[in-house]
Amino acid sequence: MPTPGLSRCLAAYRATGATLPFRDPRGAHGIEMEGYYWRVTDPWSGQVIVALCGVSSAPGGNWAVVALAAHPGGFLRQSMPRSATAALSDLGVSAGTVLQAAGDHVTAHLATDAHLSLRVHDPTLWPHRAFGGLGPAQAVPGLGQYWHPHLLGARLEGHAVLGDRTVDLGGATAYAEKNWGAGFPRRWWWGQAQGFDDPGLCVAFAGGVLERGPLKLPATSVVVRLRDEVLRLVPPFAITAADTRDGAWRIRARSPRHRVTIEGDGNGSEPHLLPVPIPAERRTVNRARQYLAGRMRVEVRTGRRVRYRGESPLAGLEVGDEA
């Protein structure tokens, strides 16, 4: 049991955004913004549903932004509850009467025609390792943004009301991640896909320009769940590069053992403009352009052996630029 002084030191360290090795990064850090994101993919129907919640601190208390989006049809609803709480341990968030979520369920009710109720079974969770999706950078205090993909597949039950449609989620799979920090970077790139011909494959990447004083450093993390193995390619253990020009995503990641190549595009669809919170001002800006059903081509090599090569037509692909 830590002493009161040590507990205060640990809380102050976590409030910088950092997470000690072997600690769960999903709990709240006490920083300006705690972000929660869930993505449901149904390869059989071609349906994709996204739910997000950002809990932000501001004078007067915490507030939240909640959004529910879906493909096909361009469905999008948003809400801004005036109060919200984020659990300090494990995964848990409550945004007024609009959203309640924990590790095994998500319920969001934005309106009578915008509702999501899902329960997670047989989850594939992030393996027990010293570090999460960012690798050792997870333990560095004061980064502008942190990222951790904690759910890499699951069996679902539940339903969603999307406008005039009610969708059964049985047979779909799920992905979930957490991001947190003082705010979003000036520019970032992100992608996630399931729905490959290998139903166990899950791919996610996130990157942005890290700024510390005059230093500006682009950095990208790549995570691949391949059958029963989770590959994480992040600096300094891997060399990563990202190019998101001309409406395309090109990600390269190489470690001493593995090489991952990701190429993506919007697949002729239109992006959703998703909200990004400005914590202290209790407002949002729609500066996250996310394709819910883009195309992602992936190749995974270990040494000279190609372990997977395939494509998903239901990929999430996003870029964000300074408003």
Protein backbone atom coordinates (compact mmCIF):
# COMPACT_ATOMS: atom_id res chain seq x y z
CA MET A 1 0.00 0.00 0.00
CA PRO A 2 1.63 3.31 -1.05
CA THR A 3 2.05 6.02 1.57
CA PRO A 4 -0.06 9.20 1.25
CA GLY A 5 3.01 11.11 0.02
CA LEU A 6 3.78 8.50 -2.62
CA SER A 7 0.13 8.42 -3.69
CA ARG A 8 0.21 12.18 -4.22
CA CYS A 9 3.40 11.88 -6.28
CA LEU A 10 1.90 9.11 -8.41
CA ALA A 11 -1.29 11.13 -8.97
CA ALA A 12 0.75 14.20 -9.97
CA TYR A 13 2.78 12.09 -12.39
CA ARG A 14 -0.34 10.56 -13.94
CA ALA A 15 -1.89 14.04 -14.27
CA THR A 16 0.87 14.88 -16.74
CA GLY A 17 -0.69 12.26 -19.05
CA ALA A 18 1.98 9.64 -18.44
CA THR A 19 1.36 6.05 -17.31
CA LEU A 20 3.85 3.92 -15.42
CA PRO A 21 4.92 0.58 -16.94
CA PHE A 22 2.46 -2.27 -16.32
CA ARG A 23 -0.25 0.17 -15.20
CA ASP A 24 -3.61 0.31 -17.00
CA PRO A 25 -3.68 3.40 -19.25
CA ARG A 26 -7.46 3.22 -19.74
CA GLY A 27 -8.34 4.99 -16.49
CA ALA A 28 -8.65 8.76 -16.30
CA HIS A 29 -5.43 10.70 -15.80
CA GLY A 30 -6.86 13.96 -14.50
CA ILE A 31 -5.71 15.80 -17.60
CA GLU A 32 -7.61 18.28 -19.79
CA MET A 33 -9.21 15.73 -22.12
CA GLU A 34 -10.04 12.02 -21.83
CA GLY A 35 -11.25 10.52 -25.10
CA TYR A 36 -13.16 7.26 -25.62
CA TYR A 37 -13.84 5.72 -29.02
CA TRP A 38 -15.71 2.60 -30.12
CA ARG A 39 -16.01 1.25 -33.66
CA VAL A 40 -18.43 -1.51 -34.72
CA THR A 41 -17.82 -3.30 -38.02
CA ASP A 42 -20.23 -5.77 -39.63
CA PRO A 43 -18.56 -7.23 -42.75
CA TRP A 44 -21.71 -9.12 -43.78
CA SER A 45 -23.97 -6.08 -43.97
CA GLY A 46 -21.30 -3.48 -44.74
CA GLN A 47 -22.39 -1.53 -41.68
CA VAL A 48 -19.99 0.61 -39.60
CA ILE A 49 -20.98 2.46 -36.44
CA VAL A 50 -18.78 4.85 -34.48
CA ALA A 51 -19.42 6.18 -30.99
CA LEU A 52 -17.14 8.67 -29.29
CA CYS A 53 -17.05 10.58 -26.06
CA GLY A 54 -14.62 13.27 -25.00
CA VAL A 55 -14.64 14.30 -21.33
CA SER A 56 -13.00 17.70 -20.88
CA SER A 57 -12.15 19.80 -17.85
CA ALA A 58 -13.13 23.45 -17.70
CA PRO A 59 -13.85 26.12 -15.09
CA GLY A 60 -17.00 24.97 -13.38
CA GLY A 61 -16.42 21.24 -13.86
CA ASN A 62 -16.20 18.55 -16.48
CA TRP A 63 -18.26 18.57 -19.66
CA ALA A 64 -18.45 16.19 -22.62
CA VAL A 65 -19.04 15.85 -26.32
CA VAL A 66 -20.72 12.67 -27.56
CA ALA A 67 -21.17 11.67 -31.19
CA LEU A 68 -22.76 8.74 -32.99
CA ALA A 69 -21.99 8.18 -36.67
CA ALA A 70 -22.71 5.41 -39.15
CA HIS A 71 -22.16 4.13 -42.68
CA PRO A 72 -23.95 3.78 -45.03
CA GLY A 73 -26.13 6.86 -45.16
CA GLY A 74 -23.88 9.53 -43.66
CA PHE A 75 -25.66 9.41 -40.29
CA LEU A 76 -24.25 11.74 -37.60
CA ARG A 77 -25.65 13.08 -34.33
CA GLN A 78 -23.85 15.09 -31.64
CA SER A 79 -24.58 16.15 -28.08
CA MET A 80 -22.73 18.20 -25.45
CA PRO A 81 -23.69 17.11 -21.92
CA ARG A 82 -22.91 19.80 -19.36
CA SER A 83 -21.48 17.30 -16.84
CA ALA A 84 -19.42 14.12 -17.14
CA THR A 85 -17.22 11.79 -15.11
CA ALA A 86 -14.37 9.48 -16.08
CA ALA A 87 -13.32 6.54 -13.90
CA LEU A 88 -9.82 6.76 -12.43
CA SER A 89 -9.25 3.01 -12.61
CA ASP A 90 -10.18 0.61 -15.38
CA LEU A 91 -12.45 1.87 -18.17
CA GLY A 92 -15.55 3.83 -17.27
CA VAL A 93 -17.23 7.02 -18.44
CA SER A 94 -20.55 8.74 -17.88
CA ALA A 95 -21.73 11.79 -19.82
CA GLY A 96 -24.93 13.04 -18.21
CA THR A 97 -27.87 10.95 -19.42
CA VAL A 98 -26.38 10.68 -22.91
CA LEU A 99 -23.69 8.02 -22.56
CA GLN A 100 -22.60 5.39 -20.06
CA ALA A 101 -19.83 2.92 -20.80
CA ALA A 102 -17.48 0.44 -19.19
CA GLY A 103 -15.25 -2.31 -20.48
CA ASP A 104 -18.12 -4.65 -21.33
CA HIS A 105 -20.88 -2.31 -22.51
CA VAL A 106 -21.72 1.00 -24.16
CA THR A 107 -25.08 2.79 -24.08
CA ALA A 108 -25.56 6.07 -25.89
CA HIS A 109 -28.87 7.89 -26.25
CA LEU A 110 -28.60 11.18 -28.10
CA ALA A 111 -32.21 11.28 -29.35
CA THR A 112 -35.09 8.95 -30.15
CA ASP A 113 -33.53 8.40 -33.58
CA ALA A 114 -29.93 8.17 -32.34
CA HIS A 115 -29.32 5.31 -29.92
CA LEU A 116 -26.68 2.63 -29.38
CA SER A 117 -26.81 -0.28 -26.95
CA LEU A 118 -24.10 -2.90 -27.14
CA ARG A 119 -22.59 -5.52 -24.89
CA VAL A 120 -19.15 -7.02 -25.44
CA HIS A 121 -18.51 -10.76 -25.24
CA ASP A 122 -15.29 -12.76 -25.72
CA PRO A 123 -13.13 -9.62 -26.01
CA THR A 124 -9.60 -9.66 -27.40
CA LEU A 125 -7.93 -7.20 -25.06
CA TRP A 126 -4.54 -5.57 -25.18
CA PRO A 127 -2.05 -8.14 -23.85
CA HIS A 128 -0.45 -7.62 -20.45
CA ARG A 129 2.74 -5.76 -21.31
CA ALA A 130 4.86 -3.03 -19.78
CA PHE A 131 3.54 -0.48 -22.26
CA GLY A 132 0.42 0.16 -24.32
CA GLY A 133 -0.06 1.30 -27.89
CA LEU A 134 2.53 4.10 -27.69
CA GLY A 135 5.32 1.93 -26.32
CA PRO A 136 7.80 3.63 -23.97
CA ALA A 137 6.42 7.07 -24.91
CA GLN A 138 3.48 6.20 -22.68
CA ALA A 139 5.70 6.92 -19.65
CA VAL A 140 6.95 10.31 -20.88
CA PRO A 141 5.22 13.19 -19.06
CA GLY A 142 3.71 16.15 -20.86
CA LEU A 143 3.10 14.84 -24.36
CA GLY A 144 0.28 16.68 -26.09
CA GLN A 145 -1.63 13.49 -26.86
CA TYR A 146 -1.52 9.83 -25.80
CA TRP A 147 -3.17 6.82 -27.50
CA HIS A 148 -3.98 3.25 -26.51
CA PRO A 149 -6.03 0.66 -28.47
CA HIS A 150 -7.42 -1.62 -25.77
CA LEU A 151 -10.09 -3.73 -27.55
CA LEU A 152 -8.94 -5.52 -30.70
CA GLY A 153 -12.01 -7.63 -31.44
CA ALA A 154 -15.12 -9.02 -29.75
CA ARG A 155 -18.44 -10.71 -30.25
CA LEU A 156 -21.32 -8.28 -29.80
CA GLU A 157 -24.96 -8.23 -28.95
CA GLY A 158 -27.22 -5.20 -29.05
CA HIS A 159 -28.74 -2.78 -31.50
CA ALA A 160 -28.52 0.75 -32.84
CA VAL A 161 -31.20 3.22 -33.95
CA LEU A 162 -29.82 5.33 -36.78
CA GLY A 163 -32.45 7.71 -38.08
CA ASP A 164 -35.27 5.60 -39.48
CA ARG A 165 -33.23 2.35 -39.31
CA THR A 166 -32.79 -0.12 -36.45
CA VAL A 167 -29.67 -2.26 -36.82
CA ASP A 168 -29.01 -5.57 -35.05
CA LEU A 169 -25.37 -5.78 -33.94
CA GLY A 170 -25.26 -9.57 -33.58
CA GLY A 171 -22.51 -10.88 -35.83
CA ALA A 172 -20.52 -7.64 -35.77
CA THR A 173 -17.11 -7.13 -34.19
CA ALA A 174 -15.70 -4.20 -32.26
CA TYR A 175 -12.61 -2.11 -31.72
CA ALA A 176 -12.07 0.46 -28.95
CA GLU A 177 -9.35 2.90 -27.99
CA LYS A 178 -8.60 5.65 -25.52
CA ASN A 179 -6.81 8.92 -26.16
CA TRP A 180 -6.01 11.69 -23.71
CA GLY A 181 -3.94 14.83 -23.34
CA ALA A 182 -3.98 18.59 -23.14
CA GLY A 183 -5.65 18.77 -26.54
CA PHE A 184 -5.39 17.56 -30.10
CA PRO A 185 -2.24 18.28 -32.12
CA ARG A 186 -2.25 20.74 -34.99
CA ARG A 187 -2.19 17.84 -37.42
CA TRP A 188 -2.75 14.12 -36.96
CA TRP A 189 -3.50 10.94 -38.92
CA TRP A 190 -5.28 7.79 -37.85
CA GLY A 191 -6.71 4.57 -39.19
CA GLN A 192 -8.38 1.37 -38.04
CA ALA A 193 -9.80 -1.62 -39.87
CA GLN A 194 -11.40 -4.99 -39.38
CA GLY A 195 -13.54 -6.72 -41.98
CA PHE A 196 -10.63 -8.42 -43.73
CA ASP A 197 -10.90 -11.92 -45.21
CA ASP A 198 -9.16 -13.03 -42.00
CA PRO A 199 -11.84 -12.25 -39.37
CA GLY A 200 -9.26 -12.14 -36.58
CA LEU A 201 -7.19 -9.39 -38.15
CA CYS A 202 -7.32 -5.93 -36.59
CA VAL A 203 -5.15 -3.02 -37.71
CA ALA A 204 -4.79 0.39 -36.08
CA PHE A 205 -2.39 3.29 -36.40
CA ALA A 206 -2.19 6.78 -34.99
CA GLY A 207 0.25 9.59 -35.52
CA GLY A 208 0.78 13.28 -35.30
CA VAL A 209 3.31 16.04 -35.01
CA LEU A 210 4.71 16.16 -31.48
CA GLU A 211 5.71 19.66 -30.43
CA ARG A 212 7.97 20.40 -27.47
CA GLY A 213 9.16 24.00 -27.68
CA PRO A 214 10.85 24.54 -31.05
CA LEU A 215 11.03 20.79 -31.70
CA LYS A 216 8.48 19.34 -34.12
CA LEU A 217 8.65 15.59 -34.57
CA PRO A 218 6.22 13.47 -36.62
CA ALA A 219 5.56 10.13 -34.92
CA THR A 220 3.36 7.15 -35.79
CA SER A 221 2.40 4.02 -33.85
CA VAL A 222 1.18 0.87 -35.64
CA VAL A 223 -0.65 -2.04 -34.01
CA VAL A 224 -1.68 -5.29 -35.72
CA ARG A 225 -3.58 -8.15 -34.16
CA LEU A 226 -2.69 -11.18 -36.26
CA ARG A 227 -4.44 -14.31 -35.01
CA ASP A 228 -3.21 -14.77 -31.41
CA GLU A 229 -0.34 -12.29 -31.68
CA VAL A 230 -0.34 -8.52 -31.25
CA LEU A 231 2.40 -6.64 -33.08
CA ARG A 232 3.28 -3.14 -31.92
CA LEU A 233 5.66 -1.15 -34.09
CA VAL A 234 6.57 2.12 -32.41
CA PRO A 235 9.71 4.22 -31.99
CA PRO A 236 12.35 3.66 -30.76
CA PHE A 237 11.99 -0.08 -31.45
CA ALA A 238 10.72 0.47 -34.99
CA ILE A 239 11.13 2.98 -37.79
CA THR A 240 7.80 4.40 -38.90
CA ALA A 241 6.86 6.82 -41.66
CA ALA A 242 3.52 8.30 -42.71
CA ASP A 243 2.36 10.17 -45.81
CA THR A 244 -1.22 11.45 -45.88
CA ARG A 245 -1.12 13.70 -48.90
CA ASP A 246 -3.51 13.70 -51.87
CA GLY A 247 -6.36 11.95 -50.07
CA ALA A 248 -4.35 8.80 -49.38
CA TRP A 249 -2.77 7.20 -46.32
CA ARG A 250 0.62 5.49 -46.70
CA ILE A 251 2.11 4.03 -43.53
CA ARG A 252 5.39 2.11 -43.30
CA ALA A 253 6.63 0.48 -40.11
CA ARG A 254 9.73 -1.68 -39.76
CA SER A 255 11.29 -3.35 -36.73
CA PRO A 256 14.17 -5.84 -36.64
CA ARG A 257 11.64 -8.70 -37.03
CA HIS A 258 8.50 -7.30 -38.64
CA ARG A 259 7.47 -5.03 -41.48
CA VAL A 260 3.98 -3.59 -41.93
CA THR A 261 2.78 -1.66 -44.97
CA ILE A 262 -0.59 0.11 -44.92
CA GLU A 263 -2.20 1.95 -47.81
CA GLY A 264 -5.62 3.54 -47.64
CA ASP A 265 -8.04 5.85 -49.41
CA GLY A 266 -11.60 7.07 -49.08
CA ASN A 267 -12.91 4.48 -51.55
CA GLY A 268 -15.11 7.06 -53.24
CA SER A 269 -17.05 7.90 -50.07
CA GLU A 270 -17.50 11.20 -48.26
CA PRO A 271 -15.93 11.77 -44.82
CA HIS A 272 -17.82 12.52 -41.66
CA LEU A 273 -16.75 15.72 -39.91
CA LEU A 274 -16.42 14.68 -36.28
CA PRO A 275 -16.19 17.05 -33.31
CA VAL A 276 -12.95 17.85 -31.51
CA PRO A 277 -13.27 19.46 -28.05
CA ILE A 278 -11.61 22.66 -26.95
CA PRO A 279 -11.63 21.80 -23.24
CA ALA A 280 -11.39 25.14 -21.43
CA GLU A 281 -13.88 26.85 -23.77
CA ARG A 282 -16.65 24.24 -23.55
CA ARG A 283 -17.02 24.09 -27.29
CA THR A 284 -16.05 21.89 -30.23
CA VAL A 285 -14.79 22.31 -33.76
CA ASN A 286 -15.45 19.82 -36.54
CA ARG A 287 -11.88 19.30 -37.67
CA ALA A 288 -11.62 15.49 -37.68
CA ARG A 289 -12.34 14.25 -41.22
CA GLN A 290 -13.02 10.54 -40.85
CA TYR A 291 -13.97 8.10 -43.59
CA LEU A 292 -16.04 5.35 -42.01
CA ALA A 293 -15.82 2.98 -44.98
CA GLY A 294 -12.51 3.67 -46.64
CA ARG A 295 -10.30 1.09 -48.26
CA MET A 296 -7.24 -0.26 -46.45
CA ARG A 297 -4.63 -2.59 -47.95
CA VAL A 298 -2.29 -4.27 -45.48
CA GLU A 299 0.82 -6.40 -45.80
CA VAL A 300 2.53 -7.95 -42.78
CA ARG A 301 5.94 -9.59 -43.07
CA THR A 302 8.09 -11.37 -40.53
CA GLY A 303 11.54 -11.59 -42.01
CA ARG A 304 10.98 -12.56 -45.64
CA ARG A 305 7.75 -14.41 -44.94
CA VAL A 306 4.47 -12.73 -45.87
CA ARG A 307 2.13 -13.47 -42.99
CA TYR A 308 -0.82 -11.52 -44.33
CA ARG A 309 -1.73 -9.56 -47.43
CA GLY A 310 -5.27 -8.35 -47.90
CA GLU A 311 -7.78 -5.53 -48.02
CA SER A 312 -10.75 -4.22 -46.05
CA PRO A 313 -13.47 -2.05 -47.65
CA LEU A 314 -14.71 -0.91 -44.21
CA ALA A 315 -11.71 0.97 -42.85
CA GLY A 316 -11.79 4.06 -40.72
CA LEU A 317 -9.33 6.66 -42.03
CA GLU A 318 -8.90 10.12 -40.54
CA VAL A 319 -6.85 13.26 -40.82
CA GLY A 320 -7.11 16.33 -38.66
CA ASP A 321 -5.82 19.82 -39.37
CA GLU A 322 -5.63 22.95 -37.30
CA ALA A 323 -8.88 24.89 -37.42
